[in-house]
Amino acid sequence: MPGLNGIEASRVIRKSQPDMKIVLLTLHESPDLVRMAFRAGVRGYLLKTDAEQELVRALNVVLGEGSYISPKINSEVVKNVISELNGSH
């Protein structure tokens, strides 16, 4: 989507297609961006450096109603995002 970054595009897509499952493919490992992405409605956050090994796995997890975060993302960030997704944060 011209003029939008992945997080903004995810918000727009989810607004018009709330059931759409989005996996964001990115270079950014920032904890804040991971949180913002999931708050925008993505269900997968895949680092481009992990894509070759993890893309099929990420898609399968998200299609199976789960959430996926690249293994290189800090485990505390993952724990906090999962906690937020489950409504316990």
PDB file of N, CA and C in Angstrom:
ATOM      1  N   MET A   1       0.848  -1.159   0.000  1.00  0.00           N
ATOM      2  CA  MET A   1       0.000   0.000   0.000  1.00  0.00           C
ATOM      3  C   MET A   1       0.904   1.236   0.000  1.00  0.00           C
ATOM      4  N   PRO A   2       0.860   1.981  -1.052  1.00  0.00           N
ATOM      5  CA  PRO A   2       1.753   3.147  -1.168  1.00  0.00           C
ATOM      6  C   PRO A   2       1.605   4.123   0.001  1.00  0.00           C
ATOM      7  N   GLY A   3       2.751   4.556   0.511  1.00  0.00           N
ATOM      8  CA  GLY A   3       2.755   5.562   1.560  1.00  0.00           C
ATOM      9  C   GLY A   3       2.539   5.029   2.961  1.00  0.00           C
ATOM     10  N   LEU A   4       2.345   3.728   3.117  1.00  0.00           N
ATOM     11  CA  LEU A   4       2.118   3.143   4.432  1.00  0.00           C
ATOM     12  C   LEU A   4       3.237   2.176   4.780  1.00  0.00           C
ATOM     13  N   ASN A   5       3.588   2.119   6.063  1.00  0.00           N
ATOM     14  CA  ASN A   5       4.511   1.072   6.484  1.00  0.00           C
ATOM     15  C   ASN A   5       3.685  -0.184   6.794  1.00  0.00           C
ATOM     16  N   GLY A   6       4.344  -1.267   7.140  1.00  0.00           N
ATOM     17  CA  GLY A   6       3.654  -2.538   7.370  1.00  0.00           C
ATOM     18  C   GLY A   6       2.624  -2.492   8.488  1.00  0.00           C
ATOM     19  N   ILE A   7       2.935  -1.768   9.546  1.00  0.00           N
ATOM     20  CA  ILE A   7       1.999  -1.679  10.676  1.00  0.00           C
ATOM     21  C   ILE A   7       0.772  -0.871  10.287  1.00  0.00           C
ATOM     22  N   GLU A   8       0.983   0.257   9.621  1.00  0.00           N
ATOM     23  CA  GLU A   8      -0.161   1.073   9.170  1.00  0.00           C
ATOM     24  C   GLU A   8      -1.008   0.297   8.165  1.00  0.00           C
ATOM     25  N   ALA A   9      -0.363  -0.403   7.244  1.00  0.00           N
ATOM     26  CA  ALA A   9      -1.098  -1.203   6.255  1.00  0.00           C
ATOM     27  C   ALA A   9      -1.900  -2.295   6.950  1.00  0.00           C
ATOM     28  N   SER A  10      -1.332  -2.898   7.989  1.00  0.00           N
ATOM     29  CA  SER A  10      -2.047  -3.941   8.743  1.00  0.00           C
ATOM     30  C   SER A  10      -3.311  -3.385   9.381  1.00  0.00           C
ATOM     31  N   ARG A  11      -3.221  -2.179   9.940  1.00  0.00           N
ATOM     32  CA  ARG A  11      -4.407  -1.542  10.538  1.00  0.00           C
ATOM     33  C   ARG A  11      -5.505  -1.342   9.496  1.00  0.00           C
ATOM     34  N   VAL A  12      -5.111  -0.836   8.326  1.00  0.00           N
ATOM     35  CA  VAL A  12      -6.078  -0.588   7.251  1.00  0.00           C
ATOM     36  C   VAL A  12      -6.714  -1.897   6.789  1.00  0.00           C
ATOM     37  N   ILE A  13      -5.895  -2.906   6.600  1.00  0.00           N
ATOM     38  CA  ILE A  13      -6.397  -4.211   6.140  1.00  0.00           C
ATOM     39  C   ILE A  13      -7.347  -4.808   7.169  1.00  0.00           C
ATOM     40  N   ARG A  14      -6.944  -4.801   8.437  1.00  0.00           N
ATOM     41  CA  ARG A  14      -7.786  -5.392   9.489  1.00  0.00           C
ATOM     42  C   ARG A  14      -9.098  -4.632   9.672  1.00  0.00           C
ATOM     43  N   LYS A  15      -9.082  -3.326   9.407  1.00  0.00           N
ATOM     44  CA  LYS A  15     -10.310  -2.543   9.529  1.00  0.00           C
ATOM     45  C   LYS A  15     -11.331  -2.977   8.482  1.00  0.00           C
ATOM     46  N   SER A  16     -10.865  -3.210   7.262  1.00  0.00           N
ATOM     47  CA  SER A  16     -11.794  -3.599   6.201  1.00  0.00           C
ATOM     48  C   SER A  16     -11.996  -5.111   6.122  1.00  0.00           C
ATOM     49  N   GLN A  17     -11.041  -5.872   6.624  1.00  0.00           N
ATOM     50  CA  GLN A  17     -11.110  -7.339   6.599  1.00  0.00           C
ATOM     51  C   GLN A  17     -10.728  -7.887   7.976  1.00  0.00           C
ATOM     52  N   PRO A  18     -11.607  -7.799   8.961  1.00  0.00           N
ATOM     53  CA  PRO A  18     -11.233  -8.153  10.336  1.00  0.00           C
ATOM     54  C   PRO A  18     -10.791  -9.603  10.538  1.00  0.00           C
ATOM     55  N   ASP A  19     -11.166 -10.489   9.649  1.00  0.00           N
ATOM     56  CA  ASP A  19     -10.769 -11.887   9.792  1.00  0.00           C
ATOM     57  C   ASP A  19      -9.460 -12.218   9.073  1.00  0.00           C
ATOM     58  N   MET A  20      -8.885 -11.235   8.394  1.00  0.00           N
ATOM     59  CA  MET A  20      -7.645 -11.449   7.651  1.00  0.00           C
ATOM     60  C   MET A  20      -6.515 -11.787   8.615  1.00  0.00           C
ATOM     61  N   LYS A  21      -5.740 -12.798   8.269  1.00  0.00           N
ATOM     62  CA  LYS A  21      -4.583 -13.199   9.076  1.00  0.00           C
ATOM     63  C   LYS A  21      -3.338 -12.632   8.410  1.00  0.00           C
ATOM     64  N   ILE A  22      -2.617 -11.810   9.143  1.00  0.00           N
ATOM     65  CA  ILE A  22      -1.475 -11.094   8.582  1.00  0.00           C
ATOM     66  C   ILE A  22      -0.185 -11.550   9.251  1.00  0.00           C
ATOM     67  N   VAL A  23       0.799 -11.866   8.423  1.00  0.00           N
ATOM     68  CA  VAL A  23       2.159 -12.132   8.889  1.00  0.00           C
ATOM     69  C   VAL A  23       3.029 -10.998   8.354  1.00  0.00           C
ATOM     70  N   LEU A  24       3.624 -10.256   9.249  1.00  0.00           N
ATOM     71  CA  LEU A  24       4.479  -9.129   8.872  1.00  0.00           C
ATOM     72  C   LEU A  24       5.901  -9.640   8.678  1.00  0.00           C
ATOM     73  N   LEU A  25       6.471  -9.380   7.513  1.00  0.00           N
ATOM     74  CA  LEU A  25       7.845  -9.745   7.200  1.00  0.00           C
ATOM     75  C   LEU A  25       8.675  -8.468   7.287  1.00  0.00           C
ATOM     76  N   THR A  26       9.659  -8.441   8.177  1.00  0.00           N
ATOM     77  CA  THR A  26      10.348  -7.193   8.502  1.00  0.00           C
ATOM     78  C   THR A  26      11.826  -7.389   8.825  1.00  0.00           C
ATOM     79  N   LEU A  27      12.553  -6.301   8.794  1.00  0.00           N
ATOM     80  CA  LEU A  27      13.956  -6.282   9.229  1.00  0.00           C
ATOM     81  C   LEU A  27      14.091  -5.880  10.693  1.00  0.00           C
ATOM     82  N   HIS A  28      13.029  -5.353  11.295  1.00  0.00           N
ATOM     83  CA  HIS A  28      13.098  -4.682  12.591  1.00  0.00           C
ATOM     84  C   HIS A  28      12.833  -5.611  13.775  1.00  0.00           C
ATOM     85  N   GLU A  29      13.779  -5.609  14.721  1.00  0.00           N
ATOM     86  CA  GLU A  29      13.667  -6.439  15.925  1.00  0.00           C
ATOM     87  C   GLU A  29      13.210  -5.655  17.147  1.00  0.00           C
ATOM     88  N   SER A  30      12.902  -4.391  16.983  1.00  0.00           N
ATOM     89  CA  SER A  30      12.547  -3.521  18.096  1.00  0.00           C
ATOM     90  C   SER A  30      11.341  -4.057  18.867  1.00  0.00           C
ATOM     91  N   PRO A  31      11.468  -4.181  20.196  1.00  0.00           N
ATOM     92  CA  PRO A  31      10.335  -4.626  21.011  1.00  0.00           C
ATOM     93  C   PRO A  31       9.097  -3.754  20.819  1.00  0.00           C
ATOM     94  N   ASP A  32       9.291  -2.447  20.687  1.00  0.00           N
ATOM     95  CA  ASP A  32       8.147  -1.553  20.496  1.00  0.00           C
ATOM     96  C   ASP A  32       7.430  -1.845  19.179  1.00  0.00           C
ATOM     97  N   LEU A  33       8.183  -2.119  18.139  1.00  0.00           N
ATOM     98  CA  LEU A  33       7.553  -2.434  16.847  1.00  0.00           C
ATOM     99  C   LEU A  33       6.827  -3.765  16.880  1.00  0.00           C
ATOM    100  N   VAL A  34       7.376  -4.735  17.601  1.00  0.00           N
ATOM    101  CA  VAL A  34       6.690  -6.025  17.744  1.00  0.00           C
ATOM    102  C   VAL A  34       5.337  -5.801  18.417  1.00  0.00           C
ATOM    103  N   ARG A  35       5.344  -5.066  19.511  1.00  0.00           N
ATOM    104  CA  ARG A  35       4.089  -4.778  20.226  1.00  0.00           C
ATOM    105  C   ARG A  35       3.105  -4.005  19.354  1.00  0.00           C
ATOM    106  N   MET A  36       3.604  -2.985  18.663  1.00  0.00           N
ATOM    107  CA  MET A  36       2.733  -2.173  17.802  1.00  0.00           C
ATOM    108  C   MET A  36       2.123  -3.027  16.685  1.00  0.00           C
ATOM    109  N   ALA A  37       2.904  -3.927  16.147  1.00  0.00           N
ATOM    110  CA  ALA A  37       2.408  -4.790  15.067  1.00  0.00           C
ATOM    111  C   ALA A  37       1.251  -5.662  15.550  1.00  0.00           C
ATOM    112  N   PHE A  38       1.415  -6.284  16.700  1.00  0.00           N
ATOM    113  CA  PHE A  38       0.345  -7.144  17.213  1.00  0.00           C
ATOM    114  C   PHE A  38      -0.875  -6.327  17.630  1.00  0.00           C
ATOM    115  N   ARG A  39      -0.648  -5.143  18.151  1.00  0.00           N
ATOM    116  CA  ARG A  39      -1.781  -4.270  18.479  1.00  0.00           C
ATOM    117  C   ARG A  39      -2.516  -3.827  17.214  1.00  0.00           C
ATOM    118  N   ALA A  40      -1.799  -3.759  16.096  1.00  0.00           N
ATOM    119  CA  ALA A  40      -2.410  -3.380  14.815  1.00  0.00           C
ATOM    120  C   ALA A  40      -3.153  -4.542  14.172  1.00  0.00           C
ATOM    121  N   GLY A  41      -3.005  -5.731  14.751  1.00  0.00           N
ATOM    122  CA  GLY A  41      -3.768  -6.867  14.258  1.00  0.00           C
ATOM    123  C   GLY A  41      -2.996  -7.950  13.543  1.00  0.00           C
ATOM    124  N   VAL A  42      -1.663  -7.830  13.457  1.00  0.00           N
ATOM    125  CA  VAL A  42      -0.929  -8.927  12.827  1.00  0.00           C
ATOM    126  C   VAL A  42      -0.966 -10.143  13.738  1.00  0.00           C
ATOM    127  N   ARG A  43      -0.800 -11.304  13.151  1.00  0.00           N
ATOM    128  CA  ARG A  43      -0.764 -12.544  13.929  1.00  0.00           C
ATOM    129  C   ARG A  43       0.572 -13.249  13.791  1.00  0.00           C
ATOM    130  N   GLY A  44       1.445 -12.666  12.955  1.00  0.00           N
ATOM    131  CA  GLY A  44       2.780 -13.211  12.804  1.00  0.00           C
ATOM    132  C   GLY A  44       3.772 -12.093  12.581  1.00  0.00           C
ATOM    133  N   TYR A  45       4.931 -12.215  13.211  1.00  0.00           N
ATOM    134  CA  TYR A  45       5.995 -11.215  13.088  1.00  0.00           C
ATOM    135  C   TYR A  45       7.253 -11.986  12.747  1.00  0.00           C
ATOM    136  N   LEU A  46       7.633 -11.951  11.472  1.00  0.00           N
ATOM    137  CA  LEU A  46       8.738 -12.751  10.971  1.00  0.00           C
ATOM    138  C   LEU A  46       9.870 -11.845  10.499  1.00  0.00           C
ATOM    139  N   LEU A  47      11.044 -12.059  11.066  1.00  0.00           N
ATOM    140  CA  LEU A  47      12.213 -11.305  10.626  1.00  0.00           C
ATOM    141  C   LEU A  47      12.686 -11.842   9.282  1.00  0.00           C
ATOM    142  N   LYS A  48      13.093 -10.947   8.408  1.00  0.00           N
ATOM    143  CA  LYS A  48      13.572 -11.369   7.089  1.00  0.00           C
ATOM    144  C   LYS A  48      14.769 -12.309   7.211  1.00  0.00           C
ATOM    145  N   THR A  49      15.562 -12.127   8.254  1.00  0.00           N
ATOM    146  CA  THR A  49      16.721 -13.011   8.447  1.00  0.00           C
ATOM    147  C   THR A  49      16.310 -14.434   8.813  1.00  0.00           C
ATOM    148  N   ASP A  50      15.098 -14.624   9.282  1.00  0.00           N
ATOM    149  CA  ASP A  50      14.577 -15.950   9.630  1.00  0.00           C
ATOM    150  C   ASP A  50      13.678 -16.535   8.540  1.00  0.00           C
ATOM    151  N   ALA A  51      13.361 -15.743   7.545  1.00  0.00           N
ATOM    152  CA  ALA A  51      12.324 -16.128   6.575  1.00  0.00           C
ATOM    153  C   ALA A  51      12.623 -17.435   5.858  1.00  0.00           C
ATOM    154  N   GLU A  52      13.849 -17.638   5.437  1.00  0.00           N
ATOM    155  CA  GLU A  52      14.162 -18.850   4.679  1.00  0.00           C
ATOM    156  C   GLU A  52      13.859 -20.117   5.487  1.00  0.00           C
ATOM    157  N   GLN A  53      14.180 -20.092   6.782  1.00  0.00           N
ATOM    158  CA  GLN A  53      13.957 -21.261   7.624  1.00  0.00           C
ATOM    159  C   GLN A  53      12.561 -21.296   8.245  1.00  0.00           C
ATOM    160  N   GLU A  54      11.937 -20.156   8.431  1.00  0.00           N
ATOM    161  CA  GLU A  54      10.735 -20.072   9.259  1.00  0.00           C
ATOM    162  C   GLU A  54       9.441 -19.692   8.546  1.00  0.00           C
ATOM    163  N   LEU A  55       9.489 -19.291   7.283  1.00  0.00           N
ATOM    164  CA  LEU A  55       8.285 -18.771   6.624  1.00  0.00           C
ATOM    165  C   LEU A  55       7.142 -19.777   6.611  1.00  0.00           C
ATOM    166  N   VAL A  56       7.394 -20.999   6.185  1.00  0.00           N
ATOM    167  CA  VAL A  56       6.324 -22.000   6.116  1.00  0.00           C
ATOM    168  C   VAL A  56       5.775 -22.282   7.510  1.00  0.00           C
ATOM    169  N   ARG A  57       6.651 -22.380   8.490  1.00  0.00           N
ATOM    170  CA  ARG A  57       6.207 -22.614   9.876  1.00  0.00           C
ATOM    171  C   ARG A  57       5.330 -21.461  10.361  1.00  0.00           C
ATOM    172  N   ALA A  58       5.771 -20.233  10.117  1.00  0.00           N
ATOM    173  CA  ALA A  58       5.009 -19.053  10.548  1.00  0.00           C
ATOM    174  C   ALA A  58       3.623 -19.054   9.921  1.00  0.00           C
ATOM    175  N   LEU A  59       3.547 -19.324   8.629  1.00  0.00           N
ATOM    176  CA  LEU A  59       2.249 -19.344   7.947  1.00  0.00           C
ATOM    177  C   LEU A  59       1.354 -20.450   8.499  1.00  0.00           C
ATOM    178  N   ASN A  60       1.911 -21.625   8.745  1.00  0.00           N
ATOM    179  CA  ASN A  60       1.119 -22.723   9.295  1.00  0.00           C
ATOM    180  C   ASN A  60       0.588 -22.408  10.686  1.00  0.00           C
ATOM    181  N   VAL A  61       1.415 -21.789  11.524  1.00  0.00           N
ATOM    182  CA  VAL A  61       0.981 -21.425  12.880  1.00  0.00           C
ATOM    183  C   VAL A  61      -0.161 -20.416  12.810  1.00  0.00           C
ATOM    184  N   VAL A  62       0.010 -19.397  12.000  1.00  0.00           N
ATOM    185  CA  VAL A  62      -1.014 -18.347  11.905  1.00  0.00           C
ATOM    186  C   VAL A  62      -2.292 -18.893  11.266  1.00  0.00           C
ATOM    187  N   LEU A  63      -2.169 -19.701  10.244  1.00  0.00           N
ATOM    188  CA  LEU A  63      -3.362 -20.299   9.623  1.00  0.00           C
ATOM    189  C   LEU A  63      -4.085 -21.231  10.587  1.00  0.00           C
ATOM    190  N   GLY A  64      -3.341 -21.820  11.509  1.00  0.00           N
ATOM    191  CA  GLY A  64      -3.924 -22.703  12.519  1.00  0.00           C
ATOM    192  C   GLY A  64      -4.434 -21.950  13.735  1.00  0.00           C
ATOM    193  N   GLU A  65      -4.692 -20.663  13.576  1.00  0.00           N
ATOM    194  CA  GLU A  65      -5.259 -19.802  14.626  1.00  0.00           C
ATOM    195  C   GLU A  65      -4.282 -19.418  15.723  1.00  0.00           C
ATOM    196  N   GLY A  66      -2.990 -19.611  15.508  1.00  0.00           N
ATOM    197  CA  GLY A  66      -2.006 -19.220  16.503  1.00  0.00           C
ATOM    198  C   GLY A  66      -1.357 -17.890  16.161  1.00  0.00           C
ATOM    199  N   SER A  67      -0.369 -17.543  16.956  1.00  0.00           N
ATOM    200  CA  SER A  67       0.433 -16.349  16.721  1.00  0.00           C
ATOM    201  C   SER A  67       1.886 -16.785  16.610  1.00  0.00           C
ATOM    202  N   TYR A  68       2.642 -16.082  15.786  1.00  0.00           N
ATOM    203  CA  TYR A  68       4.029 -16.448  15.548  1.00  0.00           C
ATOM    204  C   TYR A  68       4.924 -15.228  15.712  1.00  0.00           C
ATOM    205  N   ILE A  69       6.058 -15.421  16.390  1.00  0.00           N
ATOM    206  CA  ILE A  69       7.078 -14.392  16.516  1.00  0.00           C
ATOM    207  C   ILE A  69       8.424 -15.056  16.246  1.00  0.00           C
ATOM    208  N   SER A  70       9.240 -14.433  15.395  1.00  0.00           N
ATOM    209  CA  SER A  70      10.554 -14.978  15.040  1.00  0.00           C
ATOM    210  C   SER A  70      11.349 -15.382  16.273  1.00  0.00           C
ATOM    211  N   PRO A  71      12.085 -16.487  16.156  1.00  0.00           N
ATOM    212  CA  PRO A  71      12.866 -16.966  17.294  1.00  0.00           C
ATOM    213  C   PRO A  71      13.950 -15.999  17.767  1.00  0.00           C
ATOM    214  N   LYS A  72      14.402 -15.094  16.912  1.00  0.00           N
ATOM    215  CA  LYS A  72      15.467 -14.160  17.307  1.00  0.00           C
ATOM    216  C   LYS A  72      14.964 -12.989  18.144  1.00  0.00           C
ATOM    217  N   ILE A  73      13.642 -12.830  18.248  1.00  0.00           N
ATOM    218  CA  ILE A  73      13.082 -11.757  19.076  1.00  0.00           C
ATOM    219  C   ILE A  73      13.278 -12.129  20.546  1.00  0.00           C
ATOM    220  N   ASN A  74      13.678 -11.179  21.353  1.00  0.00           N
ATOM    221  CA  ASN A  74      13.928 -11.373  22.777  1.00  0.00           C
ATOM    222  C   ASN A  74      12.760 -12.092  23.456  1.00  0.00           C
ATOM    223  N   SER A  75      13.077 -13.110  24.245  1.00  0.00           N
ATOM    224  CA  SER A  75      12.044 -13.937  24.873  1.00  0.00           C
ATOM    225  C   SER A  75      11.129 -13.157  25.817  1.00  0.00           C
ATOM    226  N   GLU A  76      11.636 -12.130  26.482  1.00  0.00           N
ATOM    227  CA  GLU A  76      10.790 -11.305  27.358  1.00  0.00           C
ATOM    228  C   GLU A  76       9.751 -10.534  26.546  1.00  0.00           C
ATOM    229  N   VAL A  77      10.164 -10.051  25.386  1.00  0.00           N
ATOM    230  CA  VAL A  77       9.235  -9.354  24.499  1.00  0.00           C
ATOM    231  C   VAL A  77       8.142 -10.322  24.060  1.00  0.00           C
ATOM    232  N   VAL A  78       8.537 -11.517  23.668  1.00  0.00           N
ATOM    233  CA  VAL A  78       7.570 -12.531  23.232  1.00  0.00           C
ATOM    234  C   VAL A  78       6.587 -12.828  24.359  1.00  0.00           C
ATOM    235  N   LYS A  79       7.098 -13.021  25.561  1.00  0.00           N
ATOM    236  CA  LYS A  79       6.242 -13.323  26.708  1.00  0.00           C
ATOM    237  C   LYS A  79       5.238 -12.193  26.959  1.00  0.00           C
ATOM    238  N   ASN A  80       5.696 -10.948  26.879  1.00  0.00           N
ATOM    239  CA  ASN A  80       4.808  -9.816  27.109  1.00  0.00           C
ATOM    240  C   ASN A  80       3.757  -9.685  26.016  1.00  0.00           C
ATOM    241  N   VAL A  81       4.144  -9.897  24.769  1.00  0.00           N
ATOM    242  CA  VAL A  81       3.180  -9.804  23.658  1.00  0.00           C
ATOM    243  C   VAL A  81       2.133 -10.910  23.793  1.00  0.00           C
ATOM    244  N   ILE A  82       2.566 -12.118  24.109  1.00  0.00           N
ATOM    245  CA  ILE A  82       1.623 -13.230  24.271  1.00  0.00           C
ATOM    246  C   ILE A  82       0.672 -12.951  25.432  1.00  0.00           C
ATOM    247  N   SER A  83       1.201 -12.385  26.505  1.00  0.00           N
ATOM    248  CA  SER A  83       0.371 -12.024  27.652  1.00  0.00           C
ATOM    249  C   SER A  83      -0.697 -11.005  27.235  1.00  0.00           C
ATOM    250  N   GLU A  84      -0.293 -10.012  26.455  1.00  0.00           N
ATOM    251  CA  GLU A  84      -1.253  -9.003  25.966  1.00  0.00           C
ATOM    252  C   GLU A  84      -2.304  -9.643  25.067  1.00  0.00           C
ATOM    253  N   LEU A  85      -1.882 -10.540  24.184  1.00  0.00           N
ATOM    254  CA  LEU A  85      -2.812 -11.208  23.278  1.00  0.00           C
ATOM    255  C   LEU A  85      -3.853 -12.018  24.033  1.00  0.00           C
ATOM    256  N   ASN A  86      -3.407 -12.605  25.139  1.00  0.00           N
ATOM    257  CA  ASN A  86      -4.317 -13.425  25.941  1.00  0.00           C
ATOM    258  C   ASN A  86      -5.128 -12.600  26.932  1.00  0.00           C
ATOM    259  N   GLY A  87      -4.916 -11.291  26.921  1.00  0.00           N
ATOM    260  CA  GLY A  87      -5.710 -10.409  27.777  1.00  0.00           C
ATOM    261  C   GLY A  87      -5.310 -10.405  29.230  1.00  0.00           C
ATOM    262  N   SER A  88      -4.132 -10.932  29.531  1.00  0.00           N
ATOM    263  CA  SER A  88      -3.730 -10.985  30.940  1.00  0.00           C
ATOM    264  C   SER A  88      -2.663  -9.976  31.272  1.00  0.00           C
ATOM    265  N   HIS A  89      -2.590  -8.916  30.480  1.00  0.00           N
ATOM    266  CA  HIS A  89      -1.598  -7.872  30.752  1.00  0.00           C
ATOM    267  C   HIS A  89      -2.216  -6.515  30.718  1.00  0.00           C
TER     268      HIS A  89
END
